[in-house]
């Protein structure tokens, strides 16, 4: 029973991770479009994209931490 629930929770976590990846790519694309139409200088736009990339990397890292926690929980439940 625990293994089935663990497998389902891992599947849900993987789906959430893929949705987050798609959303982060869409947000980067949106920022590139906004920068192209806003006419900001290249230096300011490069810093804005860097900050956004760092924030997206941090959110992806938090999802990976949650996913690794689920895997550790499933291994502990299997033992």
C-alpha atoms as a PDB file:
ATOM      1  CA  UNK A   1       0.000   0.000   0.000  1.00  0.00           C
ATOM      2  CA  UNK A   2       2.807   2.416   0.925  1.00  0.00           C
ATOM      3  CA  UNK A   3       4.683   1.611  -2.274  1.00  0.00           C
ATOM      4  CA  UNK A   4       1.596   2.412  -4.386  1.00  0.00           C
ATOM      5  CA  UNK A   5       1.105   5.719  -2.573  1.00  0.00           C
ATOM      6  CA  UNK A   6       4.808   6.458  -2.854  1.00  0.00           C
ATOM      7  CA  UNK A   7       4.729   5.759  -6.577  1.00  0.00           C
ATOM      8  CA  UNK A   8       1.720   8.019  -7.013  1.00  0.00           C
ATOM      9  CA  UNK A   9       3.373  10.815  -5.046  1.00  0.00           C
ATOM     10  CA  UNK A  10       6.527  10.502  -7.174  1.00  0.00           C
ATOM     11  CA  UNK A  11       4.412  10.629 -10.339  1.00  0.00           C
ATOM     12  CA  UNK A  12       2.628  13.757  -9.128  1.00  0.00           C
ATOM     13  CA  UNK A  13       5.976  15.349  -8.204  1.00  0.00           C
ATOM     14  CA  UNK A  14       7.366  14.593 -11.675  1.00  0.00           C
ATOM     15  CA  UNK A  15       4.280  16.125 -13.304  1.00  0.00           C
ATOM     16  CA  UNK A  16       4.666  19.230 -11.123  1.00  0.00           C
ATOM     17  CA  UNK A  17       8.339  19.434 -12.078  1.00  0.00           C
ATOM     18  CA  UNK A  18       7.557  19.264 -15.787  1.00  0.00           C
ATOM     19  CA  UNK A  19       4.813  21.894 -15.444  1.00  0.00           C
ATOM     20  CA  UNK A  20       7.227  24.159 -13.551  1.00  0.00           C
ATOM     21  CA  UNK A  21       9.817  23.677 -16.288  1.00  0.00           C
ATOM     22  CA  UNK A  22       7.303  24.646 -18.975  1.00  0.00           C
ATOM     23  CA  UNK A  23       6.168  27.683 -16.985  1.00  0.00           C
ATOM     24  CA  UNK A  24       9.747  28.834 -16.421  1.00  0.00           C
ATOM     25  CA  UNK A  25      10.477  28.593 -20.144  1.00  0.00           C
ATOM     26  CA  UNK A  26       7.322  30.572 -20.922  1.00  0.00           C
ATOM     27  CA  UNK A  27       8.250  33.247 -18.389  1.00  0.00           C
ATOM     28  CA  UNK A  28      11.735  33.590 -19.900  1.00  0.00           C
ATOM     29  CA  UNK A  29      10.155  33.915 -23.356  1.00  0.00           C
ATOM     30  CA  UNK A  30       7.775  36.576 -22.033  1.00  0.00           C
ATOM     31  CA  UNK A  31      10.673  38.531 -20.527  1.00  0.00           C
ATOM     32  CA  UNK A  32      12.564  38.389 -23.831  1.00  0.00           C
ATOM     33  CA  UNK A  33       9.496  39.707 -25.678  1.00  0.00           C
ATOM     34  CA  UNK A  34       9.017  42.506 -23.131  1.00  0.00           C
ATOM     35  CA  UNK A  35      12.675  43.479 -23.348  1.00  0.00           C
ATOM     36  CA  UNK A  36      12.501  43.528 -27.140  1.00  0.00           C
ATOM     37  CA  UNK A  37       9.511  45.880 -27.117  1.00  0.00           C
ATOM     38  CA  UNK A  38      10.560  48.090 -24.218  1.00  0.00           C
ATOM     39  CA  UNK A  39      13.736  49.427 -25.806  1.00  0.00           C
ATOM     40  CA  UNK A  40      15.833  49.169 -22.622  1.00  0.00           C
ATOM     41  CA  UNK A  41      19.592  49.228 -22.918  1.00  0.00           C
ATOM     42  CA  UNK A  42      21.371  45.913 -23.398  1.00  0.00           C
ATOM     43  CA  UNK A  43      23.091  46.139 -20.022  1.00  0.00           C
ATOM     44  CA  UNK A  44      19.880  46.617 -18.038  1.00  0.00           C
ATOM     45  CA  UNK A  45      18.061  43.866 -19.943  1.00  0.00           C
ATOM     46  CA  UNK A  46      20.946  41.426 -19.451  1.00  0.00           C
ATOM     47  CA  UNK A  47      20.860  42.010 -15.690  1.00  0.00           C
ATOM     48  CA  UNK A  48      17.077  41.549 -15.645  1.00  0.00           C
ATOM     49  CA  UNK A  49      17.333  38.217 -17.466  1.00  0.00           C
ATOM     50  CA  UNK A  50      20.120  37.106 -15.111  1.00  0.00           C
ATOM     51  CA  UNK A  51      18.011  37.890 -12.041  1.00  0.00           C
ATOM     52  CA  UNK A  52      15.015  36.079 -13.531  1.00  0.00           C
ATOM     53  CA  UNK A  53      17.180  33.066 -14.390  1.00  0.00           C
ATOM     54  CA  UNK A  54      18.495  32.935 -10.824  1.00  0.00           C
ATOM     55  CA  UNK A  55      14.933  33.044  -9.434  1.00  0.00           C
ATOM     56  CA  UNK A  56      13.798  30.286 -11.804  1.00  0.00           C
ATOM     57  CA  UNK A  57      16.829  28.164 -10.883  1.00  0.00           C
ATOM     58  CA  UNK A  58      16.012  28.597  -7.194  1.00  0.00           C
ATOM     59  CA  UNK A  59      12.399  27.534  -7.741  1.00  0.00           C
ATOM     60  CA  UNK A  60      13.550  24.504  -9.742  1.00  0.00           C
ATOM     61  CA  UNK A  61      15.995  23.658  -6.965  1.00  0.00           C
ATOM     62  CA  UNK A  62      13.206  23.757  -4.388  1.00  0.00           C
ATOM     63  CA  UNK A  63      11.144  21.344  -6.499  1.00  0.00           C
ATOM     64  CA  UNK A  64      14.140  19.014  -6.788  1.00  0.00           C
ATOM     65  CA  UNK A  65      14.596  19.124  -3.009  1.00  0.00           C
ATOM     66  CA  UNK A  66      10.933  18.161  -2.535  1.00  0.00           C
ATOM     67  CA  UNK A  67      11.308  15.380  -5.108  1.00  0.00           C
ATOM     68  CA  UNK A  68      14.425  14.000  -3.407  1.00  0.00           C
ATOM     69  CA  UNK A  69      12.575  14.110  -0.088  1.00  0.00           C
ATOM     70  CA  UNK A  70       9.780  12.026  -1.613  1.00  0.00           C
ATOM     71  CA  UNK A  71      12.292   9.504  -2.910  1.00  0.00           C
ATOM     72  CA  UNK A  72      13.962   9.234   0.501  1.00  0.00           C
ATOM     73  CA  UNK A  73      10.529   8.814   2.126  1.00  0.00           C
ATOM     74  CA  UNK A  74       9.635   6.040  -0.311  1.00  0.00           C
ATOM     75  CA  UNK A  75      12.931   4.246   0.320  1.00  0.00           C
ATOM     76  CA  UNK A  76      12.360   4.499   4.072  1.00  0.00           C
ATOM     77  CA  UNK A  77       8.787   3.212   3.690  1.00  0.00           C
ATOM     78  CA  UNK A  78      10.004   0.262   1.600  1.00  0.00           C
ATOM     79  CA  UNK A  79      12.461  -0.737   4.332  1.00  0.00           C
END
